[in-house]
Amino acid sequence: MDFESTLAALGFFAFCGGLIDAAVGGGGLVQVPALLHALPQHSLATVFGTNKLAVLAGNFSSIFTYLKRIKIIWKLMLPTMFSAFIFAFLGALSVSLIPKRLMEYVVFVILIVMASYTFIKKDLGRFSTNIRCGKKEIFLGVFFGGLIGFYDGVFGPGSGSLLLFIFVRFFGFDFLNASASAKLVNLGTFSAALLFFIPSGNVLWEIGGVVAICNIAGSLTGVFLALRYGSGFIRIFFLILLLFLIGRMGMSIFL
């Protein structure tokens, strides 16, 4: 595949990843495998650094639309964001210690797990309960922020979906509030990771720029669909893309 075809393919998956991430989270499960497949000659750190540049742009573009509709619980979010920021930087420092081949297997397994969970959990993202914010919730926010932040720094795909689930399950957020809050945390984790990836030269700016533009377009489309049609349509689209990538990565790894 030539360079132009590679960019076109990456742009398509970046659009899909941004769309999914803005609506239900987990867009990295689409975008990172595509980057791993398209950039086999580059290190894991470079693949992740380029991905972080793109997802930061997409995340930043979508968060403002959510903030117009959602009241953010800053008492909970600020300590959660700070914890996630610190641990995401520590996670990024650890990327070079992880073999790329191992992470390809990890991505493949995560794709299967997420596809299975999304298929079984038919009400994913449709919860609506009262929001709680006491000392227990703040402690849990700091704990989960650090945990997901480190994971996002060292790897990343699925962190948005994990955050959304955590906010719904442990804090009583509804879908829209959880999605907006997860994106605030991700703004911190993506920025922290780039503080390592950019100075260390692990960002492909030309590819990252194209992927970022497509990710922004997908994110804006995803926000529109989430607010207009709900998560049902995105869930189906998510499953179709996951199944496609499972087949593609499976052939790459095992054949």
C-alpha atoms as a PDB file:
ATOM      1  CA  MET A   1       0.000   0.000   0.000  1.00  0.00           C
ATOM      2  CA  ASP A   2       1.454   3.417  -1.010  1.00  0.00           C
ATOM      3  CA  PHE A   3       1.653   6.442   1.294  1.00  0.00           C
ATOM      4  CA  GLU A   4      -1.482   8.144  -0.065  1.00  0.00           C
ATOM      5  CA  SER A   5      -3.551   4.979   0.309  1.00  0.00           C
ATOM      6  CA  THR A   6      -2.219   4.499   3.828  1.00  0.00           C
ATOM      7  CA  LEU A   7      -3.213   8.056   4.761  1.00  0.00           C
ATOM      8  CA  ALA A   8      -6.685   7.547   3.281  1.00  0.00           C
ATOM      9  CA  ALA A   9      -7.182   4.342   5.248  1.00  0.00           C
ATOM     10  CA  LEU A  10      -5.930   5.948   8.464  1.00  0.00           C
ATOM     11  CA  GLY A  11      -8.198   8.941   7.848  1.00  0.00           C
ATOM     12  CA  PHE A  12     -11.227   6.659   7.528  1.00  0.00           C
ATOM     13  CA  PHE A  13     -10.480   4.808  10.762  1.00  0.00           C
ATOM     14  CA  ALA A  14      -9.686   8.093  12.526  1.00  0.00           C
ATOM     15  CA  PHE A  15     -13.094   9.442  11.497  1.00  0.00           C
ATOM     16  CA  CYS A  16     -14.780   6.280  12.753  1.00  0.00           C
ATOM     17  CA  GLY A  17     -12.727   6.337  15.950  1.00  0.00           C
ATOM     18  CA  GLY A  18     -13.600   9.967  16.637  1.00  0.00           C
ATOM     19  CA  LEU A  19     -17.287   9.303  15.961  1.00  0.00           C
ATOM     20  CA  ILE A  20     -17.413   6.329  18.318  1.00  0.00           C
ATOM     21  CA  ASP A  21     -15.288   7.982  20.999  1.00  0.00           C
ATOM     22  CA  ALA A  22     -17.474  11.086  21.084  1.00  0.00           C
ATOM     23  CA  ALA A  23     -20.637   9.035  21.439  1.00  0.00           C
ATOM     24  CA  VAL A  24     -19.810   6.017  23.612  1.00  0.00           C
ATOM     25  CA  GLY A  25     -16.048   6.017  24.137  1.00  0.00           C
ATOM     26  CA  GLY A  26     -13.634   3.351  22.945  1.00  0.00           C
ATOM     27  CA  GLY A  27     -12.625   5.027  19.696  1.00  0.00           C
ATOM     28  CA  GLY A  28      -9.006   4.157  20.400  1.00  0.00           C
ATOM     29  CA  LEU A  29      -9.921   0.512  19.880  1.00  0.00           C
ATOM     30  CA  VAL A  30     -10.540   1.432  16.258  1.00  0.00           C
ATOM     31  CA  GLN A  31      -7.752   3.956  15.691  1.00  0.00           C
ATOM     32  CA  VAL A  32      -4.772   2.349  17.473  1.00  0.00           C
ATOM     33  CA  PRO A  33      -5.048  -1.047  15.712  1.00  0.00           C
ATOM     34  CA  ALA A  34      -5.263   0.811  12.388  1.00  0.00           C
ATOM     35  CA  LEU A  35      -2.089   2.755  13.225  1.00  0.00           C
ATOM     36  CA  LEU A  36      -0.296  -0.394  14.397  1.00  0.00           C
ATOM     37  CA  HIS A  37      -1.182  -2.114  11.138  1.00  0.00           C
ATOM     38  CA  ALA A  38      -0.257   0.858   8.919  1.00  0.00           C
ATOM     39  CA  LEU A  39       3.019   1.777  10.647  1.00  0.00           C
ATOM     40  CA  PRO A  40       4.827  -1.521  11.283  1.00  0.00           C
ATOM     41  CA  GLN A  41       8.233   0.117  10.786  1.00  0.00           C
ATOM     42  CA  HIS A  42       7.766   2.527  13.685  1.00  0.00           C
ATOM     43  CA  SER A  43       8.127   1.947  17.422  1.00  0.00           C
ATOM     44  CA  LEU A  44       5.199   1.497  19.783  1.00  0.00           C
ATOM     45  CA  ALA A  45       5.965   4.874  21.367  1.00  0.00           C
ATOM     46  CA  THR A  46       5.744   6.601  17.963  1.00  0.00           C
ATOM     47  CA  VAL A  47       2.435   4.912  17.155  1.00  0.00           C
ATOM     48  CA  PHE A  48       0.998   5.920  20.522  1.00  0.00           C
ATOM     49  CA  GLY A  49       2.405   9.447  20.343  1.00  0.00           C
ATOM     50  CA  THR A  50       0.879  10.017  16.903  1.00  0.00           C
ATOM     51  CA  ASN A  51      -2.432   8.600  18.113  1.00  0.00           C
ATOM     52  CA  LYS A  52      -2.439  10.835  21.214  1.00  0.00           C
ATOM     53  CA  LEU A  53      -2.001  13.942  19.036  1.00  0.00           C
ATOM     54  CA  ALA A  54      -5.043  12.974  16.973  1.00  0.00           C
ATOM     55  CA  VAL A  55      -7.322  11.976  19.841  1.00  0.00           C
ATOM     56  CA  LEU A  56      -6.445  15.122  21.804  1.00  0.00           C
ATOM     57  CA  ALA A  57      -7.603  17.222  18.853  1.00  0.00           C
ATOM     58  CA  GLY A  58     -10.808  15.211  18.447  1.00  0.00           C
ATOM     59  CA  ASN A  59     -11.534  15.203  22.158  1.00  0.00           C
ATOM     60  CA  PHE A  60     -10.957  18.942  22.441  1.00  0.00           C
ATOM     61  CA  SER A  61     -13.342  19.661  19.569  1.00  0.00           C
ATOM     62  CA  SER A  62     -16.196  17.557  20.990  1.00  0.00           C
ATOM     63  CA  ILE A  63     -16.031  18.586  24.645  1.00  0.00           C
ATOM     64  CA  PHE A  64     -17.405  22.097  24.073  1.00  0.00           C
ATOM     65  CA  THR A  65     -20.636  20.804  22.548  1.00  0.00           C
ATOM     66  CA  TYR A  66     -21.184  18.563  25.568  1.00  0.00           C
ATOM     67  CA  LEU A  67     -20.369  21.351  28.029  1.00  0.00           C
ATOM     68  CA  LYS A  68     -23.198  23.446  26.608  1.00  0.00           C
ATOM     69  CA  ARG A  69     -25.654  20.730  27.591  1.00  0.00           C
ATOM     70  CA  ILE A  70     -24.096  19.217  30.718  1.00  0.00           C
ATOM     71  CA  LYS A  71     -23.502  20.566  34.221  1.00  0.00           C
ATOM     72  CA  ILE A  72     -20.049  19.350  35.273  1.00  0.00           C
ATOM     73  CA  ILE A  73     -19.507  18.270  38.908  1.00  0.00           C
ATOM     74  CA  TRP A  74     -16.218  20.129  39.346  1.00  0.00           C
ATOM     75  CA  LYS A  75     -15.839  19.094  43.005  1.00  0.00           C
ATOM     76  CA  LEU A  76     -15.348  15.544  41.764  1.00  0.00           C
ATOM     77  CA  MET A  77     -13.789  16.226  38.379  1.00  0.00           C
ATOM     78  CA  LEU A  78     -10.858  18.453  39.401  1.00  0.00           C
ATOM     79  CA  PRO A  79      -9.127  15.928  41.730  1.00  0.00           C
ATOM     80  CA  THR A  80      -9.927  13.123  39.276  1.00  0.00           C
ATOM     81  CA  MET A  81      -8.388  15.060  36.381  1.00  0.00           C
ATOM     82  CA  PHE A  82      -5.276  15.948  38.409  1.00  0.00           C
ATOM     83  CA  SER A  83      -4.697  12.340  39.436  1.00  0.00           C
ATOM     84  CA  ALA A  84      -5.219  11.131  35.858  1.00  0.00           C
ATOM     85  CA  PHE A  85      -2.799  13.764  34.498  1.00  0.00           C
ATOM     86  CA  ILE A  86       0.041  12.763  36.841  1.00  0.00           C
ATOM     87  CA  PHE A  87      -0.327   9.029  36.299  1.00  0.00           C
ATOM     88  CA  ALA A  88      -0.770   9.375  32.525  1.00  0.00           C
ATOM     89  CA  PHE A  89       2.660  11.013  32.334  1.00  0.00           C
ATOM     90  CA  LEU A  90       4.153   8.182  34.404  1.00  0.00           C
ATOM     91  CA  GLY A  91       2.461   5.671  32.114  1.00  0.00           C
ATOM     92  CA  ALA A  92       3.884   7.340  28.997  1.00  0.00           C
ATOM     93  CA  LEU A  93       7.366   7.045  30.490  1.00  0.00           C
ATOM     94  CA  SER A  94       6.846   3.272  30.653  1.00  0.00           C
ATOM     95  CA  VAL A  95       5.862   2.780  26.988  1.00  0.00           C
ATOM     96  CA  SER A  96       9.408   2.091  25.785  1.00  0.00           C
ATOM     97  CA  LEU A  97       9.645  -0.841  28.207  1.00  0.00           C
ATOM     98  CA  ILE A  98       6.797  -2.742  26.516  1.00  0.00           C
ATOM     99  CA  PRO A  99       7.456  -4.979  23.446  1.00  0.00           C
ATOM    100  CA  LYS A 100       5.383  -3.908  20.443  1.00  0.00           C
ATOM    101  CA  ARG A 101       4.463  -7.477  19.500  1.00  0.00           C
ATOM    102  CA  LEU A 102       3.080  -8.094  22.970  1.00  0.00           C
ATOM    103  CA  MET A 103       0.878  -5.013  22.721  1.00  0.00           C
ATOM    104  CA  GLU A 104      -0.488  -6.186  19.372  1.00  0.00           C
ATOM    105  CA  TYR A 105      -1.713  -9.352  21.105  1.00  0.00           C
ATOM    106  CA  VAL A 106      -3.112  -7.238  23.960  1.00  0.00           C
ATOM    107  CA  VAL A 107      -4.989  -5.013  21.495  1.00  0.00           C
ATOM    108  CA  PHE A 108      -6.393  -8.084  19.751  1.00  0.00           C
ATOM    109  CA  VAL A 109      -7.683  -9.535  23.046  1.00  0.00           C
ATOM    110  CA  ILE A 110      -9.139  -6.165  24.126  1.00  0.00           C
ATOM    111  CA  LEU A 111     -10.997  -5.905  20.817  1.00  0.00           C
ATOM    112  CA  ILE A 112     -12.601  -9.310  21.407  1.00  0.00           C
ATOM    113  CA  VAL A 113     -13.478  -8.507  25.042  1.00  0.00           C
ATOM    114  CA  MET A 114     -14.955  -5.123  24.184  1.00  0.00           C
ATOM    115  CA  ALA A 115     -16.969  -6.517  21.274  1.00  0.00           C
ATOM    116  CA  SER A 116     -18.354  -9.293  23.488  1.00  0.00           C
ATOM    117  CA  TYR A 117     -19.161  -6.910  26.339  1.00  0.00           C
ATOM    118  CA  THR A 118     -20.828  -4.376  24.027  1.00  0.00           C
ATOM    119  CA  PHE A 119     -22.922  -7.106  22.416  1.00  0.00           C
ATOM    120  CA  ILE A 120     -24.030  -8.578  25.776  1.00  0.00           C
ATOM    121  CA  LYS A 121     -24.514  -5.253  27.599  1.00  0.00           C
ATOM    122  CA  LYS A 122     -27.348  -3.952  25.466  1.00  0.00           C
ATOM    123  CA  ASP A 123     -28.140  -1.032  27.814  1.00  0.00           C
ATOM    124  CA  LEU A 124     -24.568   0.324  27.806  1.00  0.00           C
ATOM    125  CA  GLY A 125     -24.634   4.100  28.184  1.00  0.00           C
ATOM    126  CA  ARG A 126     -28.381   4.396  28.821  1.00  0.00           C
ATOM    127  CA  PHE A 127     -28.357   4.616  32.629  1.00  0.00           C
ATOM    128  CA  SER A 128     -29.821   7.573  34.497  1.00  0.00           C
ATOM    129  CA  THR A 129     -29.544   7.850  38.297  1.00  0.00           C
ATOM    130  CA  ASN A 130     -28.895  10.544  40.881  1.00  0.00           C
ATOM    131  CA  ILE A 131     -25.349  11.929  40.934  1.00  0.00           C
ATOM    132  CA  ARG A 132     -23.513  11.486  44.246  1.00  0.00           C
ATOM    133  CA  CYS A 133     -20.435  13.462  45.284  1.00  0.00           C
ATOM    134  CA  GLY A 134     -19.189  12.893  48.839  1.00  0.00           C
ATOM    135  CA  LYS A 135     -15.785  12.085  50.311  1.00  0.00           C
ATOM    136  CA  LYS A 136     -16.098   8.477  49.187  1.00  0.00           C
ATOM    137  CA  GLU A 137     -16.783   9.511  45.592  1.00  0.00           C
ATOM    138  CA  ILE A 138     -13.863  11.982  45.584  1.00  0.00           C
ATOM    139  CA  PHE A 139     -11.520   9.268  46.883  1.00  0.00           C
ATOM    140  CA  LEU A 140     -12.792   6.868  44.227  1.00  0.00           C
ATOM    141  CA  GLY A 141     -12.363   9.594  41.611  1.00  0.00           C
ATOM    142  CA  VAL A 142      -8.709  10.069  42.552  1.00  0.00           C
ATOM    143  CA  PHE A 143      -8.158   6.299  42.598  1.00  0.00           C
ATOM    144  CA  PHE A 144      -9.842   5.570  39.278  1.00  0.00           C
ATOM    145  CA  GLY A 145      -8.360   8.717  37.733  1.00  0.00           C
ATOM    146  CA  GLY A 146      -4.870   7.494  38.594  1.00  0.00           C
ATOM    147  CA  LEU A 147      -5.588   3.955  37.426  1.00  0.00           C
ATOM    148  CA  ILE A 148      -7.116   4.924  34.078  1.00  0.00           C
ATOM    149  CA  GLY A 149      -4.584   7.729  33.664  1.00  0.00           C
ATOM    150  CA  PHE A 150      -1.656   5.307  33.919  1.00  0.00           C
ATOM    151  CA  TYR A 151      -3.342   2.886  31.529  1.00  0.00           C
ATOM    152  CA  ASP A 152      -4.034   5.723  29.091  1.00  0.00           C
ATOM    153  CA  GLY A 153      -0.417   6.858  29.242  1.00  0.00           C
ATOM    154  CA  VAL A 154       1.094   3.418  28.728  1.00  0.00           C
ATOM    155  CA  PHE A 155      -1.469   2.186  26.176  1.00  0.00           C
ATOM    156  CA  GLY A 156      -4.816   3.988  25.945  1.00  0.00           C
ATOM    157  CA  PRO A 157      -7.429   2.242  23.755  1.00  0.00           C
ATOM    158  CA  GLY A 158     -10.735   1.871  25.594  1.00  0.00           C
ATOM    159  CA  SER A 159      -9.910   4.363  28.364  1.00  0.00           C
ATOM    160  CA  GLY A 160     -12.881   6.517  27.383  1.00  0.00           C
ATOM    161  CA  SER A 161     -15.252   3.553  27.600  1.00  0.00           C
ATOM    162  CA  LEU A 162     -13.786   2.512  30.939  1.00  0.00           C
ATOM    163  CA  LEU A 163     -14.181   6.032  32.306  1.00  0.00           C
ATOM    164  CA  LEU A 164     -17.766   6.231  31.066  1.00  0.00           C
ATOM    165  CA  PHE A 165     -18.586   2.930  32.767  1.00  0.00           C
ATOM    166  CA  ILE A 166     -16.902   4.050  36.014  1.00  0.00           C
ATOM    167  CA  PHE A 167     -18.800   7.348  36.128  1.00  0.00           C
ATOM    168  CA  VAL A 168     -22.105   5.557  35.525  1.00  0.00           C
ATOM    169  CA  ARG A 169     -21.484   2.610  37.852  1.00  0.00           C
ATOM    170  CA  PHE A 170     -19.782   4.300  40.813  1.00  0.00           C
ATOM    171  CA  PHE A 171     -21.004   7.900  40.671  1.00  0.00           C
ATOM    172  CA  GLY A 172     -24.523   7.613  39.278  1.00  0.00           C
ATOM    173  CA  PHE A 173     -23.905   9.746  36.189  1.00  0.00           C
ATOM    174  CA  ASP A 174     -26.227   9.475  33.228  1.00  0.00           C
ATOM    175  CA  PHE A 175     -24.845   8.787  29.755  1.00  0.00           C
ATOM    176  CA  LEU A 176     -24.329  12.374  28.600  1.00  0.00           C
ATOM    177  CA  ASN A 177     -22.770  13.539  31.876  1.00  0.00           C
ATOM    178  CA  ALA A 178     -20.512  10.484  32.012  1.00  0.00           C
ATOM    179  CA  SER A 179     -19.424  11.002  28.411  1.00  0.00           C
ATOM    180  CA  ALA A 180     -18.634  14.693  28.942  1.00  0.00           C
ATOM    181  CA  SER A 181     -16.812  13.969  32.215  1.00  0.00           C
ATOM    182  CA  ALA A 182     -14.766  11.179  30.632  1.00  0.00           C
ATOM    183  CA  LYS A 183     -13.659  13.591  27.925  1.00  0.00           C
ATOM    184  CA  LEU A 184     -12.504  16.116  30.520  1.00  0.00           C
ATOM    185  CA  VAL A 185     -10.353  13.444  32.162  1.00  0.00           C
ATOM    186  CA  ASN A 186      -9.034  12.373  28.766  1.00  0.00           C
ATOM    187  CA  LEU A 187      -8.011  15.948  27.966  1.00  0.00           C
ATOM    188  CA  GLY A 188      -5.646  15.699  30.914  1.00  0.00           C
ATOM    189  CA  THR A 189      -4.353  12.207  30.136  1.00  0.00           C
ATOM    190  CA  PHE A 190      -3.750  12.927  26.441  1.00  0.00           C
ATOM    191  CA  SER A 191      -1.950  16.190  27.249  1.00  0.00           C
ATOM    192  CA  ALA A 192       0.221  14.531  29.903  1.00  0.00           C
ATOM    193  CA  ALA A 193       1.215  11.725  27.563  1.00  0.00           C
ATOM    194  CA  LEU A 194       2.159  14.208  24.825  1.00  0.00           C
ATOM    195  CA  LEU A 195       4.461  16.000  27.283  1.00  0.00           C
ATOM    196  CA  PHE A 196       6.577  12.863  26.972  1.00  0.00           C
ATOM    197  CA  PHE A 197       5.944  11.821  23.371  1.00  0.00           C
ATOM    198  CA  ILE A 198       6.619  15.209  21.707  1.00  0.00           C
ATOM    199  CA  PRO A 199       9.998  16.054  23.351  1.00  0.00           C
ATOM    200  CA  SER A 200      11.175  12.477  22.788  1.00  0.00           C
ATOM    201  CA  GLY A 201      10.402  12.743  19.051  1.00  0.00           C
ATOM    202  CA  ASN A 202       7.653  10.117  19.062  1.00  0.00           C
ATOM    203  CA  VAL A 203       5.052  11.985  16.988  1.00  0.00           C
ATOM    204  CA  LEU A 204       4.703  11.691  13.198  1.00  0.00           C
ATOM    205  CA  TRP A 205       3.379  15.187  12.510  1.00  0.00           C
ATOM    206  CA  GLU A 206       2.277  14.748   8.894  1.00  0.00           C
ATOM    207  CA  ILE A 207       0.371  11.549   9.560  1.00  0.00           C
ATOM    208  CA  GLY A 208      -0.801  12.808  12.950  1.00  0.00           C
ATOM    209  CA  GLY A 209      -2.165  16.005  11.389  1.00  0.00           C
ATOM    210  CA  VAL A 210      -4.248  14.137   8.801  1.00  0.00           C
ATOM    211  CA  VAL A 211      -5.490  11.673  11.411  1.00  0.00           C
ATOM    212  CA  ALA A 212      -6.292  14.557  13.790  1.00  0.00           C
ATOM    213  CA  ILE A 213      -8.411  16.394  11.197  1.00  0.00           C
ATOM    214  CA  CYS A 214     -10.379  13.237  10.448  1.00  0.00           C
ATOM    215  CA  ASN A 215     -10.720  12.513  14.167  1.00  0.00           C
ATOM    216  CA  ILE A 216     -12.148  16.010  14.724  1.00  0.00           C
ATOM    217  CA  ALA A 217     -14.682  15.489  11.929  1.00  0.00           C
ATOM    218  CA  GLY A 218     -15.675  12.155  13.423  1.00  0.00           C
ATOM    219  CA  SER A 219     -15.936  13.595  16.934  1.00  0.00           C
ATOM    220  CA  LEU A 220     -18.255  16.397  15.842  1.00  0.00           C
ATOM    221  CA  THR A 221     -20.378  13.875  13.937  1.00  0.00           C
ATOM    222  CA  GLY A 222     -20.436  11.559  16.960  1.00  0.00           C
ATOM    223  CA  VAL A 223     -21.616  14.303  19.305  1.00  0.00           C
ATOM    224  CA  PHE A 224     -24.384  15.214  16.867  1.00  0.00           C
ATOM    225  CA  LEU A 225     -25.541  11.596  16.557  1.00  0.00           C
ATOM    226  CA  ALA A 226     -25.337  10.988  20.314  1.00  0.00           C
ATOM    227  CA  LEU A 227     -27.455  14.026  21.113  1.00  0.00           C
ATOM    228  CA  ARG A 228     -29.851  13.523  18.204  1.00  0.00           C
ATOM    229  CA  TYR A 229     -30.330   9.759  17.987  1.00  0.00           C
ATOM    230  CA  GLY A 230     -28.888   8.288  21.185  1.00  0.00           C
ATOM    231  CA  SER A 231     -26.379   5.481  21.525  1.00  0.00           C
ATOM    232  CA  GLY A 232     -28.279   2.732  19.686  1.00  0.00           C
ATOM    233  CA  PHE A 233     -26.991   3.620  16.230  1.00  0.00           C
ATOM    234  CA  ILE A 234     -23.411   4.151  17.485  1.00  0.00           C
ATOM    235  CA  ARG A 235     -23.471   0.830  19.337  1.00  0.00           C
ATOM    236  CA  ILE A 236     -24.279  -1.038  16.121  1.00  0.00           C
ATOM    237  CA  PHE A 237     -21.613   0.879  14.200  1.00  0.00           C
ATOM    238  CA  PHE A 238     -19.116   0.189  16.987  1.00  0.00           C
ATOM    239  CA  LEU A 239     -19.759  -3.557  16.849  1.00  0.00           C
ATOM    240  CA  ILE A 240     -19.435  -3.696  13.044  1.00  0.00           C
ATOM    241  CA  LEU A 241     -16.071  -1.911  13.108  1.00  0.00           C
ATOM    242  CA  LEU A 242     -14.781  -4.024  15.996  1.00  0.00           C
ATOM    243  CA  LEU A 243     -15.643  -7.235  14.171  1.00  0.00           C
ATOM    244  CA  PHE A 244     -13.897  -5.959  11.047  1.00  0.00           C
ATOM    245  CA  LEU A 245     -10.745  -5.044  12.972  1.00  0.00           C
ATOM    246  CA  ILE A 246     -10.735  -8.347  14.881  1.00  0.00           C
ATOM    247  CA  GLY A 247     -10.691 -10.176  11.555  1.00  0.00           C
ATOM    248  CA  ARG A 248      -8.048  -7.858  10.093  1.00  0.00           C
ATOM    249  CA  MET A 249      -5.726  -8.022  13.086  1.00  0.00           C
ATOM    250  CA  GLY A 250      -6.261 -11.760  13.484  1.00  0.00           C
ATOM    251  CA  MET A 251      -5.111 -12.346   9.909  1.00  0.00           C
ATOM    252  CA  SER A 252      -2.086 -10.072  10.459  1.00  0.00           C
ATOM    253  CA  ILE A 253      -1.020 -11.824  13.674  1.00  0.00           C
ATOM    254  CA  PHE A 254      -1.771 -15.478  12.999  1.00  0.00           C
ATOM    255  CA  LEU A 255      -1.431 -15.900   9.213  1.00  0.00           C
END
